[in-house]
């Protein structure tokens, strides 16, 4: 039996104390992000992002993508795993025959070029690992973004609008 605060009932072993000490010294603390403490900022056209996590150690960024109306992102490829949970509206990849609606979960594996489109507008929670590469219609690489690119975009938006950067979003 485990006590979540004190370890196993009856006390902690020396190994458990040592591991806990390593966690206390090197681990990342749990975070609570109030929904009001992060803000939406513009990204591409009528697509906005609400950052929830910038994991700079692992090149992972978590955000809510908000397409305010019909539109989307250009052709792109992920170099890491992506997961998505649709919160509002709907979206799809032009290259596939499915449409993600509220409550739908999408798992993307690295390497495929696709084009995110929303016919209605959407709010979707994305967890993105690795870089994001943008391509033109001839498969020419136009831009590469990663956690630092998204972090820089967020910080520049805050600074340009005299808003406080929420450092709790950065791990």
Protein backbone atom coordinates (compact mmCIF):
# COMPACT_ATOMS: atom_id res chain seq x y z
CA UNK A 1 0.00 0.00 0.00
CA UNK A 2 1.26 3.46 -0.93
CA UNK A 3 0.63 6.76 0.86
CA UNK A 4 0.91 9.45 -1.83
CA UNK A 5 2.66 11.86 0.50
CA UNK A 6 4.84 9.67 2.68
CA UNK A 7 5.47 6.66 0.41
CA UNK A 8 4.78 3.09 1.44
CA UNK A 9 2.84 2.67 4.65
CA UNK A 10 5.37 2.07 7.39
CA UNK A 11 7.92 4.53 5.96
CA UNK A 12 10.17 4.91 2.96
CA UNK A 13 13.12 2.73 2.11
CA UNK A 14 16.54 4.30 1.60
CA UNK A 15 16.17 3.75 -2.16
CA UNK A 16 12.81 5.51 -2.20
CA UNK A 17 14.18 8.44 -0.19
CA UNK A 18 17.13 8.75 -2.56
CA UNK A 19 14.87 8.67 -5.64
CA UNK A 20 12.54 11.24 -4.07
CA UNK A 21 15.57 13.46 -3.34
CA UNK A 22 16.57 13.21 -7.04
CA UNK A 23 13.05 14.13 -8.05
CA UNK A 24 13.03 17.10 -5.68
CA UNK A 25 16.38 18.28 -7.07
CA UNK A 26 15.88 17.63 -10.80
CA UNK A 27 12.19 16.96 -11.44
CA UNK A 28 9.68 19.31 -12.92
CA UNK A 29 6.95 20.37 -10.54
CA UNK A 30 3.31 19.75 -11.30
CA UNK A 31 1.58 22.74 -12.86
CA UNK A 32 -1.93 24.08 -12.79
CA UNK A 33 -2.75 26.49 -15.59
CA UNK A 34 -5.91 28.50 -14.99
CA UNK A 35 -7.88 28.84 -18.22
CA UNK A 36 -7.74 32.61 -17.91
CA UNK A 37 -3.98 32.80 -17.35
CA UNK A 38 -3.13 31.94 -20.94
CA UNK A 39 -4.39 33.90 -23.90
CA UNK A 40 -5.09 33.36 -27.57
CA UNK A 41 -2.69 35.06 -29.94
CA UNK A 42 -2.68 35.23 -33.75
CA UNK A 43 -0.73 32.70 -35.78
CA UNK A 44 -1.66 32.33 -39.46
CA UNK A 45 -4.54 34.24 -41.04
CA UNK A 46 -7.61 33.70 -38.89
CA UNK A 47 -5.97 30.90 -36.87
CA UNK A 48 -5.08 31.70 -33.26
CA UNK A 49 -3.20 29.72 -30.61
CA UNK A 50 -3.64 29.49 -26.85
CA UNK A 51 -0.39 28.06 -25.47
CA UNK A 52 -0.69 25.73 -22.49
CA UNK A 53 2.79 24.24 -22.34
CA UNK A 54 6.21 24.88 -23.84
CA UNK A 55 8.33 21.83 -22.93
CA UNK A 56 11.71 23.12 -24.08
CA UNK A 57 13.54 20.03 -22.80
CA UNK A 58 11.58 17.67 -25.04
CA UNK A 59 10.55 19.97 -27.92
CA UNK A 60 6.84 19.51 -27.14
CA UNK A 61 4.25 22.24 -27.23
CA UNK A 62 0.62 22.01 -26.19
CA UNK A 63 -1.94 24.54 -27.34
CA UNK A 64 -5.51 25.11 -28.34
CA UNK A 65 -5.73 25.94 -32.02
CA UNK A 66 -8.68 28.21 -32.79
CA UNK A 67 -9.72 28.63 -36.41
CA UNK A 68 -12.27 31.41 -36.04
CA UNK A 69 -14.06 30.49 -39.25
CA UNK A 70 -13.51 28.52 -42.42
CA UNK A 71 -9.81 28.24 -43.21
CA UNK A 72 -6.80 26.47 -41.85
CA UNK A 73 -3.08 25.89 -42.16
CA UNK A 74 -0.95 25.32 -45.19
CA UNK A 75 0.57 22.00 -46.16
CA UNK A 76 2.79 20.76 -43.36
CA UNK A 77 4.62 17.76 -41.96
CA UNK A 78 5.34 16.88 -38.35
CA UNK A 79 8.66 15.33 -37.36
CA UNK A 80 7.26 14.03 -34.07
CA UNK A 81 4.05 12.61 -32.69
CA UNK A 82 0.94 14.78 -32.57
CA UNK A 83 -2.30 14.18 -30.71
CA UNK A 84 -5.46 16.24 -31.03
CA UNK A 85 -8.77 16.44 -29.21
CA UNK A 86 -11.51 18.46 -30.90
CA UNK A 87 -13.26 20.75 -28.41
CA UNK A 88 -15.58 22.78 -30.68
CA UNK A 89 -16.47 22.89 -34.36
CA UNK A 90 -14.81 20.53 -36.81
CA UNK A 91 -11.65 20.11 -38.85
CA UNK A 92 -10.06 17.68 -41.24
CA UNK A 93 -7.01 17.00 -43.31
CA UNK A 94 -7.69 17.48 -47.00
CA UNK A 95 -5.75 14.29 -47.70
CA UNK A 96 -8.07 12.07 -45.58
CA UNK A 97 -11.76 11.19 -45.63
CA UNK A 98 -12.60 11.84 -41.95
CA UNK A 99 -13.83 14.97 -40.18
CA UNK A 100 -12.93 15.50 -36.50
CA UNK A 101 -15.89 16.71 -34.43
CA UNK A 102 -16.18 17.60 -30.70
CA UNK A 103 -14.87 14.74 -28.59
CA UNK A 104 -12.96 13.13 -31.48
CA UNK A 105 -9.32 12.18 -30.87
CA UNK A 106 -6.67 12.13 -33.61
CA UNK A 107 -3.26 10.44 -33.40
CA UNK A 108 -0.73 11.61 -36.00
CA UNK A 109 2.53 9.86 -36.65
CA UNK A 110 5.59 11.69 -37.97
CA UNK A 111 6.35 12.09 -41.63
CA UNK A 112 3.13 12.66 -43.60
CA UNK A 113 2.41 15.95 -45.37
CA UNK A 114 -1.16 17.09 -44.83
CA UNK A 115 -3.32 20.22 -44.94
CA UNK A 116 -5.48 21.16 -41.94
CA UNK A 117 -8.80 22.69 -42.97
CA UNK A 118 -11.89 23.73 -41.08
CA UNK A 119 -15.13 24.41 -42.92
CA UNK A 120 -16.87 25.71 -39.77
CA UNK A 121 -14.15 26.94 -37.43
CA UNK A 122 -12.75 24.86 -34.60
CA UNK A 123 -11.09 24.83 -31.22
CA UNK A 124 -8.81 21.82 -30.93
CA UNK A 125 -6.31 20.85 -28.24
CA UNK A 126 -3.02 19.79 -29.85
CA UNK A 127 0.07 18.25 -28.30
CA UNK A 128 2.89 18.54 -30.83
CA UNK A 129 6.27 16.87 -30.54
CA UNK A 130 9.22 17.84 -32.70
CA UNK A 131 9.33 20.28 -35.55
CA UNK A 132 6.62 21.39 -37.93
CA UNK A 133 7.66 21.89 -41.56
CA UNK A 134 5.59 23.96 -44.00
CA UNK A 135 5.62 23.22 -47.75
CA UNK A 136 4.33 24.97 -50.84
CA UNK A 137 2.24 23.26 -53.51
CA UNK A 138 5.45 22.00 -55.20
CA UNK A 139 6.75 20.37 -51.99
CA UNK A 140 9.38 23.08 -51.47
CA UNK A 141 10.18 23.61 -47.79
CA UNK A 142 9.13 27.14 -46.78
CA UNK A 143 9.45 27.23 -42.99
CA UNK A 144 10.33 25.08 -39.98
CA UNK A 145 8.90 25.73 -36.53
CA UNK A 146 9.54 24.04 -33.17
CA UNK A 147 8.88 24.69 -29.50
CA UNK A 148 11.26 27.66 -29.51
CA UNK A 149 9.56 29.20 -32.56
CA UNK A 150 6.16 28.96 -30.86
CA UNK A 151 7.60 30.27 -27.58
CA UNK A 152 9.18 33.22 -29.39
CA UNK A 153 5.89 33.99 -31.16
CA UNK A 154 4.05 33.96 -27.81
CA UNK A 155 6.64 36.16 -26.07
CA UNK A 156 6.76 38.66 -28.95
CA UNK A 157 2.95 38.91 -28.89
CA UNK A 158 2.94 39.53 -25.13
CA UNK A 159 5.71 42.12 -25.35
CA UNK A 160 4.09 43.85 -28.33
CA UNK A 161 0.79 44.12 -26.48
CA UNK A 162 2.21 45.01 -23.05
CA UNK A 163 1.05 41.69 -21.57
CA UNK A 164 2.81 39.63 -18.93
CA UNK A 165 4.49 36.43 -20.19
CA UNK A 166 3.12 33.47 -18.22
CA UNK A 167 6.34 31.67 -17.25
CA UNK A 168 4.33 28.79 -15.77
CA UNK A 169 3.77 27.66 -19.37
CA UNK A 170 7.51 27.06 -19.86
CA UNK A 171 9.05 23.83 -18.58
